[in-house]
Amino acid sequence: MIMMKFFSVFWRMPCFFKEVTHLYCPACGGTRAVKALLRLDLKASLFCNPIVLYGVLICLWSAVWFMIWKFSGRKVQTFQPGLWMLYAGIVLFFGFDVIRNIGVYQFGYDYLGDLLL
């Protein structure tokens, strides 16, 4: 019961970053991206926040690699997850945010529809 009250207050809280800067934060659209992915709407998920789809693909990639390693007993070097995945995720996370905010304020394109009303 206490947790329900906590979450009801938590969900009504505005995004602090958006309220102060009037910009989208890098995680903005993440919940919408997950909901779109659960509906199997890959395009909407990608437009809301591509880091969600990237995370799912990296998890699948790592799971397949781990299963190949466990069942065959050998590591496949060309398929092995690496640190480059983390770097690519960081670039995607912040790069998409910069591009999205440029699109909002320079071109008036707001896919999420929260800033331009």
PDB file of N, CA and C in Angstrom:
ATOM      1  N   MET A   1       0.821  -1.181   0.000  1.00  0.00           N
ATOM      2  CA  MET A   1       0.000   0.000   0.000  1.00  0.00           C
ATOM      3  C   MET A   1       0.873   1.255   0.000  1.00  0.00           C
ATOM      4  N   ILE A   2       1.937   1.223   0.781  1.00  0.00           N
ATOM      5  CA  ILE A   2       2.839   2.370   0.842  1.00  0.00           C
ATOM      6  C   ILE A   2       3.542   2.550  -0.500  1.00  0.00           C
ATOM      7  N   MET A   3       3.930   1.441  -1.122  1.00  0.00           N
ATOM      8  CA  MET A   3       4.599   1.515  -2.418  1.00  0.00           C
ATOM      9  C   MET A   3       3.675   2.088  -3.485  1.00  0.00           C
ATOM     10  N   MET A   4       2.394   1.755  -3.431  1.00  0.00           N
ATOM     11  CA  MET A   4       1.447   2.292  -4.405  1.00  0.00           C
ATOM     12  C   MET A   4       1.353   3.807  -4.283  1.00  0.00           C
ATOM     13  N   LYS A   5       1.352   4.317  -3.067  1.00  0.00           N
ATOM     14  CA  LYS A   5       1.305   5.765  -2.871  1.00  0.00           C
ATOM     15  C   LYS A   5       2.593   6.419  -3.363  1.00  0.00           C
ATOM     16  N   PHE A   6       3.722   5.770  -3.100  1.00  0.00           N
ATOM     17  CA  PHE A   6       5.000   6.297  -3.564  1.00  0.00           C
ATOM     18  C   PHE A   6       5.022   6.388  -5.082  1.00  0.00           C
ATOM     19  N   PHE A   7       4.611   5.314  -5.759  1.00  0.00           N
ATOM     20  CA  PHE A   7       4.647   5.316  -7.217  1.00  0.00           C
ATOM     21  C   PHE A   7       3.623   6.261  -7.821  1.00  0.00           C
ATOM     22  N   SER A   8       2.490   6.465  -7.160  1.00  0.00           N
ATOM     23  CA  SER A   8       1.519   7.414  -7.699  1.00  0.00           C
ATOM     24  C   SER A   8       2.075   8.838  -7.638  1.00  0.00           C
ATOM     25  N   VAL A   9       2.838   9.156  -6.616  1.00  0.00           N
ATOM     26  CA  VAL A   9       3.487  10.468  -6.535  1.00  0.00           C
ATOM     27  C   VAL A   9       4.644  10.536  -7.524  1.00  0.00           C
ATOM     28  N   PHE A  10       5.402   9.453  -7.632  1.00  0.00           N
ATOM     29  CA  PHE A  10       6.566   9.407  -8.510  1.00  0.00           C
ATOM     30  C   PHE A  10       6.179   9.625  -9.969  1.00  0.00           C
ATOM     31  N   TRP A  11       5.093   9.023 -10.423  1.00  0.00           N
ATOM     32  CA  TRP A  11       4.695   9.135 -11.826  1.00  0.00           C
ATOM     33  C   TRP A  11       4.180  10.527 -12.170  1.00  0.00           C
ATOM     34  N   ARG A  12       3.720  11.285 -11.195  1.00  0.00           N
ATOM     35  CA  ARG A  12       3.225  12.633 -11.464  1.00  0.00           C
ATOM     36  C   ARG A  12       4.316  13.685 -11.413  1.00  0.00           C
ATOM     37  N   MET A  13       5.509  13.309 -10.992  1.00  0.00           N
ATOM     38  CA  MET A  13       6.608  14.270 -10.913  1.00  0.00           C
ATOM     39  C   MET A  13       7.080  14.630 -12.320  1.00  0.00           C
ATOM     40  N   PRO A  14       7.303  15.916 -12.588  1.00  0.00           N
ATOM     41  CA  PRO A  14       7.808  16.294 -13.912  1.00  0.00           C
ATOM     42  C   PRO A  14       9.300  15.973 -14.027  1.00  0.00           C
ATOM     43  N   CYS A  15       9.766  15.907 -15.239  1.00  0.00           N
ATOM     44  CA  CYS A  15      11.196  15.693 -15.483  1.00  0.00           C
ATOM     45  C   CYS A  15      11.951  16.960 -15.088  1.00  0.00           C
ATOM     46  N   PHE A  16      12.848  16.843 -14.135  1.00  0.00           N
ATOM     47  CA  PHE A  16      13.588  18.001 -13.631  1.00  0.00           C
ATOM     48  C   PHE A  16      14.432  18.633 -14.732  1.00  0.00           C
ATOM     49  N   PHE A  17      15.092  17.810 -15.533  1.00  0.00           N
ATOM     50  CA  PHE A  17      15.948  18.311 -16.613  1.00  0.00           C
ATOM     51  C   PHE A  17      15.133  19.119 -17.618  1.00  0.00           C
ATOM     52  N   LYS A  18      13.966  18.591 -17.984  1.00  0.00           N
ATOM     53  CA  LYS A  18      13.121  19.275 -18.966  1.00  0.00           C
ATOM     54  C   LYS A  18      12.526  20.560 -18.391  1.00  0.00           C
ATOM     55  N   GLU A  19      12.174  20.545 -17.126  1.00  0.00           N
ATOM     56  CA  GLU A  19      11.597  21.737 -16.501  1.00  0.00           C
ATOM     57  C   GLU A  19      12.613  22.872 -16.395  1.00  0.00           C
ATOM     58  N   VAL A  20      13.873  22.543 -16.142  1.00  0.00           N
ATOM     59  CA  VAL A  20      14.896  23.572 -15.957  1.00  0.00           C
ATOM     60  C   VAL A  20      15.451  24.062 -17.294  1.00  0.00           C
ATOM     61  N   THR A  21      15.782  23.135 -18.200  1.00  0.00           N
ATOM     62  CA  THR A  21      16.468  23.512 -19.441  1.00  0.00           C
ATOM     63  C   THR A  21      15.535  23.682 -20.634  1.00  0.00           C
ATOM     64  N   HIS A  22      14.324  23.163 -20.554  1.00  0.00           N
ATOM     65  CA  HIS A  22      13.380  23.140 -21.682  1.00  0.00           C
ATOM     66  C   HIS A  22      13.961  22.382 -22.872  1.00  0.00           C
ATOM     67  N   LEU A  23      14.745  21.362 -22.568  1.00  0.00           N
ATOM     68  CA  LEU A  23      15.303  20.444 -23.556  1.00  0.00           C
ATOM     69  C   LEU A  23      14.919  19.028 -23.160  1.00  0.00           C
ATOM     70  N   TYR A  24      14.960  18.116 -24.128  1.00  0.00           N
ATOM     71  CA  TYR A  24      14.759  16.710 -23.807  1.00  0.00           C
ATOM     72  C   TYR A  24      16.031  16.156 -23.181  1.00  0.00           C
ATOM     73  N   CYS A  25      15.878  15.344 -22.147  1.00  0.00           N
ATOM     74  CA  CYS A  25      17.036  14.668 -21.566  1.00  0.00           C
ATOM     75  C   CYS A  25      17.339  13.436 -22.421  1.00  0.00           C
ATOM     76  N   PRO A  26      18.522  12.844 -22.293  1.00  0.00           N
ATOM     77  CA  PRO A  26      18.849  11.676 -23.109  1.00  0.00           C
ATOM     78  C   PRO A  26      17.908  10.487 -22.903  1.00  0.00           C
ATOM     79  N   ALA A  27      17.298  10.365 -21.731  1.00  0.00           N
ATOM     80  CA  ALA A  27      16.408   9.234 -21.464  1.00  0.00           C
ATOM     81  C   ALA A  27      14.955   9.523 -21.812  1.00  0.00           C
ATOM     82  N   CYS A  28      14.661  10.738 -22.231  1.00  0.00           N
ATOM     83  CA  CYS A  28      13.286  11.120 -22.555  1.00  0.00           C
ATOM     84  C   CYS A  28      12.749  10.234 -23.684  1.00  0.00           C
ATOM     85  N   GLY A  29      11.570   9.734 -23.509  1.00  0.00           N
ATOM     86  CA  GLY A  29      10.954   8.863 -24.502  1.00  0.00           C
ATOM     87  C   GLY A  29      11.247   7.393 -24.276  1.00  0.00           C
ATOM     88  N   GLY A  30      11.993   7.071 -23.238  1.00  0.00           N
ATOM     89  CA  GLY A  30      12.353   5.680 -22.969  1.00  0.00           C
ATOM     90  C   GLY A  30      11.159   4.806 -22.645  1.00  0.00           C
ATOM     91  N   THR A  31      10.243   5.315 -21.831  1.00  0.00           N
ATOM     92  CA  THR A  31       9.049   4.539 -21.485  1.00  0.00           C
ATOM     93  C   THR A  31       8.176   4.334 -22.709  1.00  0.00           C
ATOM     94  N   ARG A  32       8.034   5.370 -23.520  1.00  0.00           N
ATOM     95  CA  ARG A  32       7.250   5.238 -24.758  1.00  0.00           C
ATOM     96  C   ARG A  32       7.905   4.251 -25.717  1.00  0.00           C
ATOM     97  N   ALA A  33       9.236   4.246 -25.744  1.00  0.00           N
ATOM     98  CA  ALA A  33       9.950   3.310 -26.608  1.00  0.00           C
ATOM     99  C   ALA A  33       9.725   1.870 -26.157  1.00  0.00           C
ATOM    100  N   VAL A  34       9.716   1.639 -24.854  1.00  0.00           N
ATOM    101  CA  VAL A  34       9.456   0.289 -24.333  1.00  0.00           C
ATOM    102  C   VAL A  34       8.029  -0.136 -24.662  1.00  0.00           C
ATOM    103  N   LYS A  35       7.068   0.772 -24.475  1.00  0.00           N
ATOM    104  CA  LYS A  35       5.675   0.445 -24.787  1.00  0.00           C
ATOM    105  C   LYS A  35       5.504   0.137 -26.272  1.00  0.00           C
ATOM    106  N   ALA A  36       6.168   0.911 -27.132  1.00  0.00           N
ATOM    107  CA  ALA A  36       6.094   0.660 -28.572  1.00  0.00           C
ATOM    108  C   ALA A  36       6.753  -0.667 -28.923  1.00  0.00           C
ATOM    109  N   LEU A  37       7.845  -0.986 -28.261  1.00  0.00           N
ATOM    110  CA  LEU A  37       8.528  -2.252 -28.514  1.00  0.00           C
ATOM    111  C   LEU A  37       7.672  -3.432 -28.072  1.00  0.00           C
ATOM    112  N   LEU A  38       6.938  -3.283 -26.987  1.00  0.00           N
ATOM    113  CA  LEU A  38       6.037  -4.348 -26.538  1.00  0.00           C
ATOM    114  C   LEU A  38       4.878  -4.552 -27.514  1.00  0.00           C
ATOM    115  N   ARG A  39       4.507  -3.498 -28.250  1.00  0.00           N
ATOM    116  CA  ARG A  39       3.487  -3.615 -29.296  1.00  0.00           C
ATOM    117  C   ARG A  39       4.095  -4.068 -30.621  1.00  0.00           C
ATOM    118  N   LEU A  40       5.417  -4.302 -30.628  1.00  0.00           N
ATOM    119  CA  LEU A  40       6.197  -4.689 -31.804  1.00  0.00           C
ATOM    120  C   LEU A  40       6.207  -3.607 -32.876  1.00  0.00           C
ATOM    121  N   ASP A  41       6.108  -2.357 -32.455  1.00  0.00           N
ATOM    122  CA  ASP A  41       6.190  -1.216 -33.356  1.00  0.00           C
ATOM    123  C   ASP A  41       7.626  -0.697 -33.310  1.00  0.00           C
ATOM    124  N   LEU A  42       8.489  -1.291 -34.133  1.00  0.00           N
ATOM    125  CA  LEU A  42       9.914  -0.977 -34.085  1.00  0.00           C
ATOM    126  C   LEU A  42      10.201   0.458 -34.517  1.00  0.00           C
ATOM    127  N   LYS A  43       9.454   0.953 -35.492  1.00  0.00           N
ATOM    128  CA  LYS A  43       9.683   2.312 -35.981  1.00  0.00           C
ATOM    129  C   LYS A  43       9.395   3.343 -34.888  1.00  0.00           C
ATOM    130  N   ALA A  44       8.271   3.206 -34.211  1.00  0.00           N
ATOM    131  CA  ALA A  44       7.931   4.143 -33.135  1.00  0.00           C
ATOM    132  C   ALA A  44       8.932   4.034 -31.990  1.00  0.00           C
ATOM    133  N   SER A  45       9.361   2.827 -31.676  1.00  0.00           N
ATOM    134  CA  SER A  45      10.342   2.635 -30.611  1.00  0.00           C
ATOM    135  C   SER A  45      11.659   3.314 -30.967  1.00  0.00           C
ATOM    136  N   LEU A  46      12.056   3.195 -32.211  1.00  0.00           N
ATOM    137  CA  LEU A  46      13.297   3.811 -32.666  1.00  0.00           C
ATOM    138  C   LEU A  46      13.212   5.329 -32.632  1.00  0.00           C
ATOM    139  N   PHE A  47      12.064   5.883 -33.006  1.00  0.00           N
ATOM    140  CA  PHE A  47      11.905   7.336 -33.006  1.00  0.00           C
ATOM    141  C   PHE A  47      11.767   7.905 -31.596  1.00  0.00           C
ATOM    142  N   CYS A  48      11.165   7.161 -30.679  1.00  0.00           N
ATOM    143  CA  CYS A  48      11.024   7.665 -29.302  1.00  0.00           C
ATOM    144  C   CYS A  48      12.373   7.725 -28.600  1.00  0.00           C
ATOM    145  N   ASN A  49      13.087   6.627 -28.586  1.00  0.00           N
ATOM    146  CA  ASN A  49      14.424   6.594 -28.001  1.00  0.00           C
ATOM    147  C   ASN A  49      15.117   5.318 -28.481  1.00  0.00           C
ATOM    148  N   PRO A  50      16.095   5.435 -29.371  1.00  0.00           N
ATOM    149  CA  PRO A  50      16.713   4.247 -29.967  1.00  0.00           C
ATOM    150  C   PRO A  50      17.569   3.434 -29.001  1.00  0.00           C
ATOM    151  N   ILE A  51      17.909   3.976 -27.847  1.00  0.00           N
ATOM    152  CA  ILE A  51      18.758   3.238 -26.912  1.00  0.00           C
ATOM    153  C   ILE A  51      18.032   2.008 -26.366  1.00  0.00           C
ATOM    154  N   VAL A  52      16.708   2.045 -26.322  1.00  0.00           N
ATOM    155  CA  VAL A  52      15.933   0.896 -25.837  1.00  0.00           C
ATOM    156  C   VAL A  52      16.084  -0.269 -26.811  1.00  0.00           C
ATOM    157  N   LEU A  53      15.885  -0.009 -28.083  1.00  0.00           N
ATOM    158  CA  LEU A  53      16.028  -1.056 -29.095  1.00  0.00           C
ATOM    159  C   LEU A  53      17.477  -1.542 -29.161  1.00  0.00           C
ATOM    160  N   TYR A  54      18.422  -0.628 -29.039  1.00  0.00           N
ATOM    161  CA  TYR A  54      19.837  -0.995 -29.022  1.00  0.00           C
ATOM    162  C   TYR A  54      20.143  -1.917 -27.839  1.00  0.00           C
ATOM    163  N   GLY A  55      19.599  -1.593 -26.676  1.00  0.00           N
ATOM    164  CA  GLY A  55      19.812  -2.428 -25.495  1.00  0.00           C
ATOM    165  C   GLY A  55      19.251  -3.830 -25.662  1.00  0.00           C
ATOM    166  N   VAL A  56      18.075  -3.924 -26.268  1.00  0.00           N
ATOM    167  CA  VAL A  56      17.472  -5.240 -26.516  1.00  0.00           C
ATOM    168  C   VAL A  56      18.338  -6.040 -27.482  1.00  0.00           C
ATOM    169  N   LEU A  57      18.805  -5.398 -28.547  1.00  0.00           N
ATOM    170  CA  LEU A  57      19.645  -6.100 -29.524  1.00  0.00           C
ATOM    171  C   LEU A  57      20.970  -6.552 -28.911  1.00  0.00           C
ATOM    172  N   ILE A  58      21.564  -5.727 -28.071  1.00  0.00           N
ATOM    173  CA  ILE A  58      22.823  -6.105 -27.419  1.00  0.00           C
ATOM    174  C   ILE A  58      22.595  -7.261 -26.448  1.00  0.00           C
ATOM    175  N   CYS A  59      21.482  -7.240 -25.730  1.00  0.00           N
ATOM    176  CA  CYS A  59      21.165  -8.352 -24.819  1.00  0.00           C
ATOM    177  C   CYS A  59      20.963  -9.649 -25.594  1.00  0.00           C
ATOM    178  N   LEU A  60      20.260  -9.576 -26.719  1.00  0.00           N
ATOM    179  CA  LEU A  60      20.074 -10.771 -27.551  1.00  0.00           C
ATOM    180  C   LEU A  60      21.408 -11.266 -28.103  1.00  0.00           C
ATOM    181  N   TRP A  61      22.222 -10.339 -28.589  1.00  0.00           N
ATOM    182  CA  TRP A  61      23.545 -10.686 -29.115  1.00  0.00           C
ATOM    183  C   TRP A  61      24.360 -11.405 -28.037  1.00  0.00           C
ATOM    184  N   SER A  62      24.401 -10.852 -26.838  1.00  0.00           N
ATOM    185  CA  SER A  62      25.180 -11.443 -25.748  1.00  0.00           C
ATOM    186  C   SER A  62      24.625 -12.796 -25.323  1.00  0.00           C
ATOM    187  N   ALA A  63      23.302 -12.938 -25.309  1.00  0.00           N
ATOM    188  CA  ALA A  63      22.690 -14.215 -24.934  1.00  0.00           C
ATOM    189  C   ALA A  63      23.021 -15.300 -25.953  1.00  0.00           C
ATOM    190  N   VAL A  64      22.965 -14.957 -27.234  1.00  0.00           N
ATOM    191  CA  VAL A  64      23.299 -15.941 -28.276  1.00  0.00           C
ATOM    192  C   VAL A  64      24.765 -16.326 -28.174  1.00  0.00           C
ATOM    193  N   TRP A  65      25.650 -15.347 -27.967  1.00  0.00           N
ATOM    194  CA  TRP A  65      27.069 -15.645 -27.829  1.00  0.00           C
ATOM    195  C   TRP A  65      27.319 -16.551 -26.627  1.00  0.00           C
ATOM    196  N   PHE A  66      26.669 -16.261 -25.505  1.00  0.00           N
ATOM    197  CA  PHE A  66      26.854 -17.062 -24.301  1.00  0.00           C
ATOM    198  C   PHE A  66      26.368 -18.496 -24.526  1.00  0.00           C
ATOM    199  N   MET A  67      25.236 -18.646 -25.213  1.00  0.00           N
ATOM    200  CA  MET A  67      24.711 -19.996 -25.465  1.00  0.00           C
ATOM    201  C   MET A  67      25.627 -20.771 -26.407  1.00  0.00           C
ATOM    202  N   ILE A  68      26.177 -20.108 -27.415  1.00  0.00           N
ATOM    203  CA  ILE A  68      27.133 -20.775 -28.305  1.00  0.00           C
ATOM    204  C   ILE A  68      28.355 -21.213 -27.511  1.00  0.00           C
ATOM    205  N   TRP A  69      28.836 -20.347 -26.628  1.00  0.00           N
ATOM    206  CA  TRP A  69      30.011 -20.664 -25.823  1.00  0.00           C
ATOM    207  C   TRP A  69      29.733 -21.825 -24.873  1.00  0.00           C
ATOM    208  N   LYS A  70      28.568 -21.832 -24.235  1.00  0.00           N
ATOM    209  CA  LYS A  70      28.251 -22.888 -23.270  1.00  0.00           C
ATOM    210  C   LYS A  70      28.013 -24.235 -23.946  1.00  0.00           C
ATOM    211  N   PHE A  71      27.307 -24.244 -25.062  1.00  0.00           N
ATOM    212  CA  PHE A  71      26.950 -25.515 -25.694  1.00  0.00           C
ATOM    213  C   PHE A  71      28.062 -26.084 -26.564  1.00  0.00           C
ATOM    214  N   SER A  72      28.877 -25.228 -27.175  1.00  0.00           N
ATOM    215  CA  SER A  72      29.950 -25.748 -28.023  1.00  0.00           C
ATOM    216  C   SER A  72      31.268 -25.864 -27.264  1.00  0.00           C
ATOM    217  N   GLY A  73      31.406 -25.127 -26.171  1.00  0.00           N
ATOM    218  CA  GLY A  73      32.621 -25.201 -25.380  1.00  0.00           C
ATOM    219  C   GLY A  73      33.753 -24.332 -25.899  1.00  0.00           C
ATOM    220  N   ARG A  74      33.511 -23.560 -26.940  1.00  0.00           N
ATOM    221  CA  ARG A  74      34.553 -22.674 -27.466  1.00  0.00           C
ATOM    222  C   ARG A  74      33.975 -21.278 -27.689  1.00  0.00           C
ATOM    223  N   LYS A  75      34.839 -20.303 -27.532  1.00  0.00           N
ATOM    224  CA  LYS A  75      34.417 -18.917 -27.728  1.00  0.00           C
ATOM    225  C   LYS A  75      34.587 -18.539 -29.198  1.00  0.00           C
ATOM    226  N   VAL A  76      33.567 -17.967 -29.757  1.00  0.00           N
ATOM    227  CA  VAL A  76      33.624 -17.493 -31.134  1.00  0.00           C
ATOM    228  C   VAL A  76      34.101 -16.045 -31.079  1.00  0.00           C
ATOM    229  N   GLN A  77      35.322 -15.797 -31.508  1.00  0.00           N
ATOM    230  CA  GLN A  77      35.928 -14.474 -31.355  1.00  0.00           C
ATOM    231  C   GLN A  77      35.232 -13.400 -32.192  1.00  0.00           C
ATOM    232  N   THR A  78      34.763 -13.751 -33.373  1.00  0.00           N
ATOM    233  CA  THR A  78      34.141 -12.737 -34.229  1.00  0.00           C
ATOM    234  C   THR A  78      32.774 -12.316 -33.715  1.00  0.00           C
ATOM    235  N   PHE A  79      32.169 -13.137 -32.900  1.00  0.00           N
ATOM    236  CA  PHE A  79      30.817 -12.875 -32.404  1.00  0.00           C
ATOM    237  C   PHE A  79      30.821 -12.420 -30.952  1.00  0.00           C
ATOM    238  N   GLN A  80      32.007 -12.340 -30.353  1.00  0.00           N
ATOM    239  CA  GLN A  80      32.126 -12.041 -28.927  1.00  0.00           C
ATOM    240  C   GLN A  80      31.756 -10.585 -28.631  1.00  0.00           C
ATOM    241  N   PRO A  81      30.928 -10.372 -27.585  1.00  0.00           N
ATOM    242  CA  PRO A  81      30.616  -8.995 -27.187  1.00  0.00           C
ATOM    243  C   PRO A  81      31.880  -8.273 -26.731  1.00  0.00           C
ATOM    244  N   GLY A  82      31.941  -6.998 -27.021  1.00  0.00           N
ATOM    245  CA  GLY A  82      33.132  -6.244 -26.659  1.00  0.00           C
ATOM    246  C   GLY A  82      32.806  -4.891 -26.065  1.00  0.00           C
ATOM    247  N   LEU A  83      33.862  -4.190 -25.698  1.00  0.00           N
ATOM    248  CA  LEU A  83      33.716  -2.871 -25.108  1.00  0.00           C
ATOM    249  C   LEU A  83      33.196  -1.847 -26.116  1.00  0.00           C
ATOM    250  N   TRP A  84      33.370  -2.149 -27.415  1.00  0.00           N
ATOM    251  CA  TRP A  84      32.872  -1.229 -28.436  1.00  0.00           C
ATOM    252  C   TRP A  84      31.358  -1.071 -28.341  1.00  0.00           C
ATOM    253  N   MET A  85      30.671  -2.081 -27.831  1.00  0.00           N
ATOM    254  CA  MET A  85      29.215  -1.998 -27.685  1.00  0.00           C
ATOM    255  C   MET A  85      28.830  -0.925 -26.667  1.00  0.00           C
ATOM    256  N   LEU A  86      29.596  -0.827 -25.600  1.00  0.00           N
ATOM    257  CA  LEU A  86      29.354   0.207 -24.595  1.00  0.00           C
ATOM    258  C   LEU A  86      29.599   1.589 -25.181  1.00  0.00           C
ATOM    259  N   TYR A  87      30.717   1.738 -25.893  1.00  0.00           N
ATOM    260  CA  TYR A  87      31.026   3.032 -26.498  1.00  0.00           C
ATOM    261  C   TYR A  87      29.975   3.427 -27.529  1.00  0.00           C
ATOM    262  N   ALA A  88      29.537   2.478 -28.339  1.00  0.00           N
ATOM    263  CA  ALA A  88      28.493   2.767 -29.330  1.00  0.00           C
ATOM    264  C   ALA A  88      27.190   3.161 -28.642  1.00  0.00           C
ATOM    265  N   GLY A  89      26.871   2.510 -27.532  1.00  0.00           N
ATOM    266  CA  GLY A  89      25.664   2.851 -26.786  1.00  0.00           C
ATOM    267  C   GLY A  89      25.724   4.246 -26.190  1.00  0.00           C
ATOM    268  N   ILE A  90      26.880   4.631 -25.671  1.00  0.00           N
ATOM    269  CA  ILE A  90      27.037   5.974 -25.103  1.00  0.00           C
ATOM    270  C   ILE A  90      26.914   7.033 -26.189  1.00  0.00           C
ATOM    271  N   VAL A  91      27.553   6.792 -27.337  1.00  0.00           N
ATOM    272  CA  VAL A  91      27.451   7.735 -28.456  1.00  0.00           C
ATOM    273  C   VAL A  91      26.010   7.833 -28.936  1.00  0.00           C
ATOM    274  N   LEU A  92      25.324   6.705 -29.039  1.00  0.00           N
ATOM    275  CA  LEU A  92      23.921   6.706 -29.455  1.00  0.00           C
ATOM    276  C   LEU A  92      23.052   7.427 -28.434  1.00  0.00           C
ATOM    277  N   PHE A  93      23.283   7.181 -27.163  1.00  0.00           N
ATOM    278  CA  PHE A  93      22.484   7.771 -26.083  1.00  0.00           C
ATOM    279  C   PHE A  93      22.544   9.300 -26.110  1.00  0.00           C
ATOM    280  N   PHE A  94      23.756   9.843 -26.142  1.00  0.00           N
ATOM    281  CA  PHE A  94      23.903  11.299 -26.106  1.00  0.00           C
ATOM    282  C   PHE A  94      23.770  11.925 -27.493  1.00  0.00           C
ATOM    283  N   GLY A  95      24.213  11.215 -28.523  1.00  0.00           N
ATOM    284  CA  GLY A  95      24.113  11.746 -29.883  1.00  0.00           C
ATOM    285  C   GLY A  95      22.681  11.926 -30.332  1.00  0.00           C
ATOM    286  N   PHE A  96      21.832  10.953 -30.041  1.00  0.00           N
ATOM    287  CA  PHE A  96      20.420  11.083 -30.406  1.00  0.00           C
ATOM    288  C   PHE A  96      19.775  12.242 -29.663  1.00  0.00           C
ATOM    289  N   ASP A  97      20.173  12.460 -28.424  1.00  0.00           N
ATOM    290  CA  ASP A  97      19.612  13.570 -27.653  1.00  0.00           C
ATOM    291  C   ASP A  97      19.974  14.908 -28.283  1.00  0.00           C
ATOM    292  N   VAL A  98      21.212  15.058 -28.696  1.00  0.00           N
ATOM    293  CA  VAL A  98      21.635  16.303 -29.340  1.00  0.00           C
ATOM    294  C   VAL A  98      20.874  16.504 -30.647  1.00  0.00           C
ATOM    295  N   ILE A  99      20.782  15.459 -31.456  1.00  0.00           N
ATOM    296  CA  ILE A  99      20.070  15.563 -32.735  1.00  0.00           C
ATOM    297  C   ILE A  99      18.592  15.859 -32.513  1.00  0.00           C
ATOM    298  N   ARG A 100      17.986  15.212 -31.529  1.00  0.00           N
ATOM    299  CA  ARG A 100      16.566  15.438 -31.249  1.00  0.00           C
ATOM    300  C   ARG A 100      16.315  16.877 -30.797  1.00  0.00           C
ATOM    301  N   ASN A 101      17.166  17.410 -29.930  1.00  0.00           N
ATOM    302  CA  ASN A 101      16.984  18.784 -29.458  1.00  0.00           C
ATOM    303  C   ASN A 101      17.261  19.803 -30.560  1.00  0.00           C
ATOM    304  N   ILE A 102      18.203  19.517 -31.452  1.00  0.00           N
ATOM    305  CA  ILE A 102      18.411  20.392 -32.610  1.00  0.00           C
ATOM    306  C   ILE A 102      17.175  20.362 -33.498  1.00  0.00           C
ATOM    307  N   GLY A 103      16.607  19.184 -33.693  1.00  0.00           N
ATOM    308  CA  GLY A 103      15.387  19.072 -34.498  1.00  0.00           C
ATOM    309  C   GLY A 103      14.229  19.847 -33.917  1.00  0.00           C
ATOM    310  N   VAL A 104      14.132  19.876 -32.602  1.00  0.00           N
ATOM    311  CA  VAL A 104      13.027  20.594 -31.953  1.00  0.00           C
ATOM    312  C   VAL A 104      13.194  22.095 -32.110  1.00  0.00           C
ATOM    313  N   TYR A 105      14.365  22.611 -31.796  1.00  0.00           N
ATOM    314  CA  TYR A 105      14.525  24.066 -31.724  1.00  0.00           C
ATOM    315  C   TYR A 105      14.995  24.712 -33.020  1.00  0.00           C
ATOM    316  N   GLN A 106      15.593  23.967 -33.925  1.00  0.00           N
ATOM    317  CA  GLN A 106      16.013  24.555 -35.192  1.00  0.00           C
ATOM    318  C   GLN A 106      15.003  24.326 -36.310  1.00  0.00           C
ATOM    319  N   PHE A 107      14.341  23.158 -36.286  1.00  0.00           N
ATOM    320  CA  PHE A 107      13.447  22.810 -37.384  1.00  0.00           C
ATOM    321  C   PHE A 107      11.992  22.659 -36.966  1.00  0.00           C
ATOM    322  N   GLY A 108      11.711  22.736 -35.682  1.00  0.00           N
ATOM    323  CA  GLY A 108      10.331  22.638 -35.207  1.00  0.00           C
ATOM    324  C   GLY A 108       9.741  21.244 -35.307  1.00  0.00           C
ATOM    325  N   TYR A 109      10.600  20.213 -35.345  1.00  0.00           N
ATOM    326  CA  TYR A 109      10.126  18.830 -35.432  1.00  0.00           C
ATOM    327  C   TYR A 109      10.203  18.198 -34.044  1.00  0.00           C
ATOM    328  N   ASP A 110       9.043  17.887 -33.475  1.00  0.00           N
ATOM    329  CA  ASP A 110       8.978  17.316 -32.126  1.00  0.00           C
ATOM    330  C   ASP A 110       8.176  16.023 -32.182  1.00  0.00           C
ATOM    331  N   TYR A 111       8.873  14.893 -32.322  1.00  0.00           N
ATOM    332  CA  TYR A 111       8.186  13.611 -32.454  1.00  0.00           C
ATOM    333  C   TYR A 111       7.422  13.253 -31.186  1.00  0.00           C
ATOM    334  N   LEU A 112       7.992  13.535 -30.023  1.00  0.00           N
ATOM    335  CA  LEU A 112       7.327  13.196 -28.766  1.00  0.00           C
ATOM    336  C   LEU A 112       6.178  14.145 -28.458  1.00  0.00           C
ATOM    337  N   GLY A 113       6.249  15.369 -28.945  1.00  0.00           N
ATOM    338  CA  GLY A 113       5.157  16.317 -28.784  1.00  0.00           C
ATOM    339  C   GLY A 113       5.028  16.927 -27.403  1.00  0.00           C
ATOM    340  N   ASP A 114       6.100  16.966 -26.645  1.00  0.00           N
ATOM    341  CA  ASP A 114       6.033  17.509 -25.287  1.00  0.00           C
ATOM    342  C   ASP A 114       6.522  18.949 -25.181  1.00  0.00           C
ATOM    343  N   LEU A 115       7.419  19.362 -26.062  1.00  0.00           N
ATOM    344  CA  LEU A 115       8.019  20.686 -25.916  1.00  0.00           C
ATOM    345  C   LEU A 115       7.341  21.748 -26.773  1.00  0.00           C
ATOM    346  N   LEU A 116       6.979  21.401 -27.989  1.00  0.00           N
ATOM    347  CA  LEU A 116       6.327  22.367 -28.878  1.00  0.00           C
ATOM    348  C   LEU A 116       4.830  22.177 -28.795  1.00  0.00           C
ATOM    349  N   LEU A 117       4.174  23.040 -28.091  1.00  0.00           N
ATOM    350  CA  LEU A 117       2.722  22.937 -27.938  1.00  0.00           C
ATOM    351  C   LEU A 117       2.018  24.091 -28.588  1.00  0.00           C
TER     352      LEU A 117
END
